[in-house]
Amino acid sequence: MSESVRISEECHEFIAAHTREDETMEETLRRLIGGPHPEEVAGILSSETADAMRRRLEEKEEADVDGKGALRERFQ
């Protein structure tokens, strides 16, 4: 299946400028944005493991926000 995505000419030129001879635009986009193809990682984690990882990431994000607030207060 394929989808169309509208992007500006500037964005298209940027992607085209970074496209290697041996890759498609899709491959270039994947390389530029990083990460594996969703089909390559689908089903690797159980729902429980994925939920635990999601919770841990949320906790870390909250801790980072708290830490930044404390740092900001020290400099005021």
PDB file of N, CA and C in Angstrom:
ATOM      1  N   MET A   1       0.843  -1.166   0.000  1.00  0.00           N
ATOM      2  CA  MET A   1       0.000   0.000   0.000  1.00  0.00           C
ATOM      3  C   MET A   1       0.893   1.236   0.000  1.00  0.00           C
ATOM      4  N   SER A   2       0.468   2.252  -0.674  1.00  0.00           N
ATOM      5  CA  SER A   2       1.233   3.495  -0.658  1.00  0.00           C
ATOM      6  C   SER A   2       0.298   4.656  -0.381  1.00  0.00           C
ATOM      7  N   GLU A   3       0.860   5.692   0.206  1.00  0.00           N
ATOM      8  CA  GLU A   3       0.118   6.897   0.549  1.00  0.00           C
ATOM      9  C   GLU A   3       0.833   8.089  -0.050  1.00  0.00           C
ATOM     10  N   SER A   4       0.098   9.148  -0.272  1.00  0.00           N
ATOM     11  CA  SER A   4       0.696  10.395  -0.738  1.00  0.00           C
ATOM     12  C   SER A   4       0.784  11.354   0.439  1.00  0.00           C
ATOM     13  N   VAL A   5       1.871  12.103   0.479  1.00  0.00           N
ATOM     14  CA  VAL A   5       2.073  13.085   1.533  1.00  0.00           C
ATOM     15  C   VAL A   5       2.461  14.394   0.867  1.00  0.00           C
ATOM     16  N   ARG A   6       1.779  15.467   1.247  1.00  0.00           N
ATOM     17  CA  ARG A   6       2.109  16.783   0.696  1.00  0.00           C
ATOM     18  C   ARG A   6       3.215  17.411   1.538  1.00  0.00           C
ATOM     19  N   ILE A   7       4.258  17.857   0.850  1.00  0.00           N
ATOM     20  CA  ILE A   7       5.342  18.571   1.511  1.00  0.00           C
ATOM     21  C   ILE A   7       5.695  19.787   0.665  1.00  0.00           C
ATOM     22  N   SER A   8       6.337  20.746   1.273  1.00  0.00           N
ATOM     23  CA  SER A   8       6.716  21.947   0.534  1.00  0.00           C
ATOM     24  C   SER A   8       7.826  21.607  -0.466  1.00  0.00           C
ATOM     25  N   GLU A   9       7.999  22.483  -1.438  1.00  0.00           N
ATOM     26  CA  GLU A   9       9.076  22.293  -2.409  1.00  0.00           C
ATOM     27  C   GLU A   9      10.423  22.316  -1.703  1.00  0.00           C
ATOM     28  N   GLU A  10      10.552  23.187  -0.703  1.00  0.00           N
ATOM     29  CA  GLU A  10      11.810  23.271   0.040  1.00  0.00           C
ATOM     30  C   GLU A  10      12.135  21.954   0.731  1.00  0.00           C
ATOM     31  N   CYS A  11      11.127  21.353   1.334  1.00  0.00           N
ATOM     32  CA  CYS A  11      11.323  20.074   2.016  1.00  0.00           C
ATOM     33  C   CYS A  11      11.693  18.996   0.996  1.00  0.00           C
ATOM     34  N   HIS A  12      10.994  18.980  -0.116  1.00  0.00           N
ATOM     35  CA  HIS A  12      11.281  18.001  -1.166  1.00  0.00           C
ATOM     36  C   HIS A  12      12.709  18.160  -1.670  1.00  0.00           C
ATOM     37  N   GLU A  13      13.139  19.399  -1.871  1.00  0.00           N
ATOM     38  CA  GLU A  13      14.506  19.652  -2.337  1.00  0.00           C
ATOM     39  C   GLU A  13      15.523  19.177  -1.310  1.00  0.00           C
ATOM     40  N   PHE A  14      15.226  19.400  -0.033  1.00  0.00           N
ATOM     41  CA  PHE A  14      16.121  18.956   1.030  1.00  0.00           C
ATOM     42  C   PHE A  14      16.271  17.434   1.000  1.00  0.00           C
ATOM     43  N   ILE A  15      15.135  16.745   0.917  1.00  0.00           N
ATOM     44  CA  ILE A  15      15.170  15.279   0.892  1.00  0.00           C
ATOM     45  C   ILE A  15      15.908  14.797  -0.354  1.00  0.00           C
ATOM     46  N   ALA A  16      15.582  15.385  -1.492  1.00  0.00           N
ATOM     47  CA  ALA A  16      16.242  14.988  -2.744  1.00  0.00           C
ATOM     48  C   ALA A  16      17.750  15.211  -2.665  1.00  0.00           C
ATOM     49  N   ALA A  17      18.159  16.301  -2.038  1.00  0.00           N
ATOM     50  CA  ALA A  17      19.585  16.606  -1.923  1.00  0.00           C
ATOM     51  C   ALA A  17      20.314  15.594  -1.041  1.00  0.00           C
ATOM     52  N   HIS A  18      19.573  14.952  -0.126  1.00  0.00           N
ATOM     53  CA  HIS A  18      20.182  13.983   0.776  1.00  0.00           C
ATOM     54  C   HIS A  18      19.958  12.526   0.348  1.00  0.00           C
ATOM     55  N   THR A  19      19.305  12.353  -0.789  1.00  0.00           N
ATOM     56  CA  THR A  19      19.045  11.002  -1.280  1.00  0.00           C
ATOM     57  C   THR A  19      20.305  10.439  -1.928  1.00  0.00           C
ATOM     58  N   ARG A  20      20.672   9.252  -1.503  1.00  0.00           N
ATOM     59  CA  ARG A  20      21.841   8.567  -2.059  1.00  0.00           C
ATOM     60  C   ARG A  20      21.448   7.893  -3.366  1.00  0.00           C
ATOM     61  N   GLU A  21      22.438   7.607  -4.177  1.00  0.00           N
ATOM     62  CA  GLU A  21      22.174   7.009  -5.495  1.00  0.00           C
ATOM     63  C   GLU A  21      21.380   5.713  -5.405  1.00  0.00           C
ATOM     64  N   ASP A  22      21.611   4.938  -4.367  1.00  0.00           N
ATOM     65  CA  ASP A  22      21.014   3.608  -4.270  1.00  0.00           C
ATOM     66  C   ASP A  22      19.753   3.550  -3.418  1.00  0.00           C
ATOM     67  N   GLU A  23      19.170   4.706  -3.071  1.00  0.00           N
ATOM     68  CA  GLU A  23      17.987   4.659  -2.223  1.00  0.00           C
ATOM     69  C   GLU A  23      16.820   5.447  -2.800  1.00  0.00           C
ATOM     70  N   THR A  24      15.638   5.035  -2.365  1.00  0.00           N
ATOM     71  CA  THR A  24      14.412   5.717  -2.767  1.00  0.00           C
ATOM     72  C   THR A  24      14.175   6.881  -1.821  1.00  0.00           C
ATOM     73  N   MET A  25      13.202   7.722  -2.152  1.00  0.00           N
ATOM     74  CA  MET A  25      12.841   8.829  -1.262  1.00  0.00           C
ATOM     75  C   MET A  25      12.393   8.283   0.096  1.00  0.00           C
ATOM     76  N   GLU A  26      11.634   7.192   0.082  1.00  0.00           N
ATOM     77  CA  GLU A  26      11.186   6.600   1.344  1.00  0.00           C
ATOM     78  C   GLU A  26      12.375   6.165   2.184  1.00  0.00           C
ATOM     79  N   GLU A  27      13.341   5.515   1.581  1.00  0.00           N
ATOM     80  CA  GLU A  27      14.529   5.075   2.310  1.00  0.00           C
ATOM     81  C   GLU A  27      15.300   6.276   2.865  1.00  0.00           C
ATOM     82  N   THR A  28      15.362   7.355   2.083  1.00  0.00           N
ATOM     83  CA  THR A  28      16.034   8.563   2.545  1.00  0.00           C
ATOM     84  C   THR A  28      15.309   9.124   3.762  1.00  0.00           C
ATOM     85  N   LEU A  29      13.987   9.216   3.698  1.00  0.00           N
ATOM     86  CA  LEU A  29      13.212   9.729   4.829  1.00  0.00           C
ATOM     87  C   LEU A  29      13.425   8.870   6.072  1.00  0.00           C
ATOM     88  N   ARG A  30      13.388   7.557   5.902  1.00  0.00           N
ATOM     89  CA  ARG A  30      13.602   6.657   7.043  1.00  0.00           C
ATOM     90  C   ARG A  30      14.985   6.890   7.648  1.00  0.00           C
ATOM     91  N   ARG A  31      15.987   7.051   6.794  1.00  0.00           N
ATOM     92  CA  ARG A  31      17.348   7.284   7.282  1.00  0.00           C
ATOM     93  C   ARG A  31      17.429   8.623   8.012  1.00  0.00           C
ATOM     94  N   LEU A  32      16.823   9.654   7.449  1.00  0.00           N
ATOM     95  CA  LEU A  32      16.898  10.985   8.046  1.00  0.00           C
ATOM     96  C   LEU A  32      16.153  11.089   9.370  1.00  0.00           C
ATOM     97  N   ILE A  33      15.013  10.409   9.486  1.00  0.00           N
ATOM     98  CA  ILE A  33      14.247  10.507  10.729  1.00  0.00           C
ATOM     99  C   ILE A  33      14.636   9.429  11.735  1.00  0.00           C
ATOM    100  N   GLY A  34      15.338   8.422  11.282  1.00  0.00           N
ATOM    101  CA  GLY A  34      15.809   7.381  12.185  1.00  0.00           C
ATOM    102  C   GLY A  34      14.733   6.389  12.561  1.00  0.00           C
ATOM    103  N   GLY A  35      15.154   5.315  13.170  1.00  0.00           N
ATOM    104  CA  GLY A  35      14.229   4.298  13.643  1.00  0.00           C
ATOM    105  C   GLY A  35      13.959   3.221  12.629  1.00  0.00           C
ATOM    106  N   PRO A  36      13.612   2.057  13.115  1.00  0.00           N
ATOM    107  CA  PRO A  36      13.309   0.929  12.229  1.00  0.00           C
ATOM    108  C   PRO A  36      11.922   1.059  11.604  1.00  0.00           C
ATOM    109  N   HIS A  37      11.713   0.278  10.587  1.00  0.00           N
ATOM    110  CA  HIS A  37      10.402   0.208   9.948  1.00  0.00           C
ATOM    111  C   HIS A  37       9.444  -0.443  10.944  1.00  0.00           C
ATOM    112  N   PRO A  38       8.248   0.109  11.119  1.00  0.00           N
ATOM    113  CA  PRO A  38       7.299  -0.459  12.092  1.00  0.00           C
ATOM    114  C   PRO A  38       7.052  -1.955  11.897  1.00  0.00           C
ATOM    115  N   GLU A  39       7.035  -2.432  10.667  1.00  0.00           N
ATOM    116  CA  GLU A  39       6.807  -3.850  10.419  1.00  0.00           C
ATOM    117  C   GLU A  39       7.950  -4.709  10.959  1.00  0.00           C
ATOM    118  N   GLU A  40       9.147  -4.123  11.068  1.00  0.00           N
ATOM    119  CA  GLU A  40      10.298  -4.872  11.563  1.00  0.00           C
ATOM    120  C   GLU A  40      10.244  -5.102  13.064  1.00  0.00           C
ATOM    121  N   VAL A  41       9.520  -4.255  13.787  1.00  0.00           N
ATOM    122  CA  VAL A  41       9.479  -4.381  15.243  1.00  0.00           C
ATOM    123  C   VAL A  41       8.109  -4.797  15.784  1.00  0.00           C
ATOM    124  N   ALA A  42       7.138  -4.903  14.910  1.00  0.00           N
ATOM    125  CA  ALA A  42       5.794  -5.282  15.347  1.00  0.00           C
ATOM    126  C   ALA A  42       5.815  -6.668  15.981  1.00  0.00           C
ATOM    127  N   GLY A  43       5.226  -6.777  17.150  1.00  0.00           N
ATOM    128  CA  GLY A  43       5.094  -8.074  17.804  1.00  0.00           C
ATOM    129  C   GLY A  43       6.297  -8.504  18.622  1.00  0.00           C
ATOM    130  N   ILE A  44       7.349  -7.702  18.695  1.00  0.00           N
ATOM    131  CA  ILE A  44       8.540  -8.091  19.452  1.00  0.00           C
ATOM    132  C   ILE A  44       8.266  -8.050  20.952  1.00  0.00           C
ATOM    133  N   LEU A  45       7.564  -7.019  21.399  1.00  0.00           N
ATOM    134  CA  LEU A  45       7.278  -6.867  22.822  1.00  0.00           C
ATOM    135  C   LEU A  45       5.869  -7.346  23.150  1.00  0.00           C
ATOM    136  N   SER A  46       5.743  -7.938  24.327  1.00  0.00           N
ATOM    137  CA  SER A  46       4.402  -8.284  24.788  1.00  0.00           C
ATOM    138  C   SER A  46       3.706  -6.982  25.175  1.00  0.00           C
ATOM    139  N   SER A  47       2.395  -7.025  25.268  1.00  0.00           N
ATOM    140  CA  SER A  47       1.634  -5.841  25.680  1.00  0.00           C
ATOM    141  C   SER A  47       2.058  -5.377  27.065  1.00  0.00           C
ATOM    142  N   GLU A  48       2.325  -6.338  27.949  1.00  0.00           N
ATOM    143  CA  GLU A  48       2.732  -5.988  29.307  1.00  0.00           C
ATOM    144  C   GLU A  48       4.075  -5.274  29.311  1.00  0.00           C
ATOM    145  N   THR A  49       5.033  -5.777  28.532  1.00  0.00           N
ATOM    146  CA  THR A  49       6.356  -5.153  28.465  1.00  0.00           C
ATOM    147  C   THR A  49       6.260  -3.766  27.845  1.00  0.00           C
ATOM    148  N   ALA A  50       5.475  -3.629  26.791  1.00  0.00           N
ATOM    149  CA  ALA A  50       5.312  -2.338  26.138  1.00  0.00           C
ATOM    150  C   ALA A  50       4.682  -1.334  27.102  1.00  0.00           C
ATOM    151  N   ASP A  51       3.684  -1.769  27.869  1.00  0.00           N
ATOM    152  CA  ASP A  51       3.046  -0.886  28.850  1.00  0.00           C
ATOM    153  C   ASP A  51       4.030  -0.467  29.940  1.00  0.00           C
ATOM    154  N   ALA A  52       4.846  -1.415  30.410  1.00  0.00           N
ATOM    155  CA  ALA A  52       5.834  -1.102  31.444  1.00  0.00           C
ATOM    156  C   ALA A  52       6.862  -0.100  30.914  1.00  0.00           C
ATOM    157  N   MET A  53       7.299  -0.287  29.689  1.00  0.00           N
ATOM    158  CA  MET A  53       8.260   0.638  29.086  1.00  0.00           C
ATOM    159  C   MET A  53       7.641   2.026  28.926  1.00  0.00           C
ATOM    160  N   ARG A  54       6.403   2.076  28.497  1.00  0.00           N
ATOM    161  CA  ARG A  54       5.703   3.349  28.315  1.00  0.00           C
ATOM    162  C   ARG A  54       5.591   4.089  29.652  1.00  0.00           C
ATOM    163  N   ARG A  55       5.235   3.347  30.718  1.00  0.00           N
ATOM    164  CA  ARG A  55       5.126   3.957  32.041  1.00  0.00           C
ATOM    165  C   ARG A  55       6.482   4.495  32.508  1.00  0.00           C
ATOM    166  N   ARG A  56       7.531   3.707  32.293  1.00  0.00           N
ATOM    167  CA  ARG A  56       8.877   4.125  32.725  1.00  0.00           C
ATOM    168  C   ARG A  56       9.307   5.383  31.976  1.00  0.00           C
ATOM    169  N   LEU A  57       9.020   5.460  30.698  1.00  0.00           N
ATOM    170  CA  LEU A  57       9.370   6.653  29.923  1.00  0.00           C
ATOM    171  C   LEU A  57       8.604   7.873  30.425  1.00  0.00           C
ATOM    172  N   GLU A  58       7.334   7.680  30.756  1.00  0.00           N
ATOM    173  CA  GLU A  58       6.540   8.787  31.301  1.00  0.00           C
ATOM    174  C   GLU A  58       7.105   9.245  32.645  1.00  0.00           C
ATOM    175  N   GLU A  59       7.521   8.282  33.483  1.00  0.00           N
ATOM    176  CA  GLU A  59       8.112   8.627  34.777  1.00  0.00           C
ATOM    177  C   GLU A  59       9.414   9.402  34.583  1.00  0.00           C
ATOM    178  N   LYS A  60      10.215   8.966  33.634  1.00  0.00           N
ATOM    179  CA  LYS A  60      11.480   9.647  33.368  1.00  0.00           C
ATOM    180  C   LYS A  60      11.223  11.064  32.874  1.00  0.00           C
ATOM    181  N   GLU A  61      10.234  11.225  32.009  1.00  0.00           N
ATOM    182  CA  GLU A  61       9.903  12.558  31.501  1.00  0.00           C
ATOM    183  C   GLU A  61       9.484  13.475  32.653  1.00  0.00           C
ATOM    184  N   GLU A  62       8.671  12.944  33.562  1.00  0.00           N
ATOM    185  CA  GLU A  62       8.242  13.733  34.715  1.00  0.00           C
ATOM    186  C   GLU A  62       9.433  14.099  35.593  1.00  0.00           C
ATOM    187  N   ALA A  63      10.354  13.154  35.810  1.00  0.00           N
ATOM    188  CA  ALA A  63      11.544  13.416  36.623  1.00  0.00           C
ATOM    189  C   ALA A  63      12.417  14.471  35.956  1.00  0.00           C
ATOM    190  N   ASP A  64      12.532  14.412  34.637  1.00  0.00           N
ATOM    191  CA  ASP A  64      13.319  15.408  33.913  1.00  0.00           C
ATOM    192  C   ASP A  64      12.719  16.798  34.083  1.00  0.00           C
ATOM    193  N   VAL A  65      11.406  16.894  34.024  1.00  0.00           N
ATOM    194  CA  VAL A  65      10.733  18.186  34.199  1.00  0.00           C
ATOM    195  C   VAL A  65      10.985  18.704  35.612  1.00  0.00           C
ATOM    196  N   ASP A  66      10.855  17.824  36.603  1.00  0.00           N
ATOM    197  CA  ASP A  66      11.101  18.228  37.989  1.00  0.00           C
ATOM    198  C   ASP A  66      12.546  18.675  38.175  1.00  0.00           C
ATOM    199  N   GLY A  67      13.474  17.930  37.590  1.00  0.00           N
ATOM    200  CA  GLY A  67      14.896  18.266  37.707  1.00  0.00           C
ATOM    201  C   GLY A  67      15.219  19.602  37.063  1.00  0.00           C
ATOM    202  N   LYS A  68      14.608  19.873  35.923  1.00  0.00           N
ATOM    203  CA  LYS A  68      14.837  21.152  35.253  1.00  0.00           C
ATOM    204  C   LYS A  68      14.277  22.298  36.087  1.00  0.00           C
ATOM    205  N   GLY A  69      13.134  22.076  36.731  1.00  0.00           N
ATOM    206  CA  GLY A  69      12.547  23.102  37.587  1.00  0.00           C
ATOM    207  C   GLY A  69      13.460  23.413  38.762  1.00  0.00           C
ATOM    208  N   ALA A  70      14.024  22.372  39.374  1.00  0.00           N
ATOM    209  CA  ALA A  70      14.929  22.569  40.500  1.00  0.00           C
ATOM    210  C   ALA A  70      16.183  23.318  40.058  1.00  0.00           C
ATOM    211  N   LEU A  71      16.701  22.974  38.902  1.00  0.00           N
ATOM    212  CA  LEU A  71      17.876  23.654  38.367  1.00  0.00           C
ATOM    213  C   LEU A  71      17.580  25.120  38.077  1.00  0.00           C
ATOM    214  N   ARG A  72      16.424  25.370  37.516  1.00  0.00           N
ATOM    215  CA  ARG A  72      16.003  26.745  37.217  1.00  0.00           C
ATOM    216  C   ARG A  72      15.916  27.573  38.500  1.00  0.00           C
ATOM    217  N   GLU A  73      15.387  26.968  39.559  1.00  0.00           N
ATOM    218  CA  GLU A  73      15.279  27.678  40.849  1.00  0.00           C
ATOM    219  C   GLU A  73      16.652  28.008  41.409  1.00  0.00           C
ATOM    220  N   ARG A  74      17.623  27.131  41.243  1.00  0.00           N
ATOM    221  CA  ARG A  74      18.971  27.373  41.752  1.00  0.00           C
ATOM    222  C   ARG A  74      19.619  28.578  41.088  1.00  0.00           C
ATOM    223  N   PHE A  75      19.261  28.842  39.849  1.00  0.00           N
ATOM    224  CA  PHE A  75      19.878  29.935  39.118  1.00  0.00           C
ATOM    225  C   PHE A  75      19.122  31.251  39.234  1.00  0.00           C
ATOM    226  N   GLN A  76      18.029  31.264  39.939  1.00  0.00           N
ATOM    227  CA  GLN A  76      17.247  32.506  40.089  1.00  0.00           C
ATOM    228  C   GLN A  76      17.680  33.280  41.292  1.00  0.00           C
TER     229      GLN A  76
END
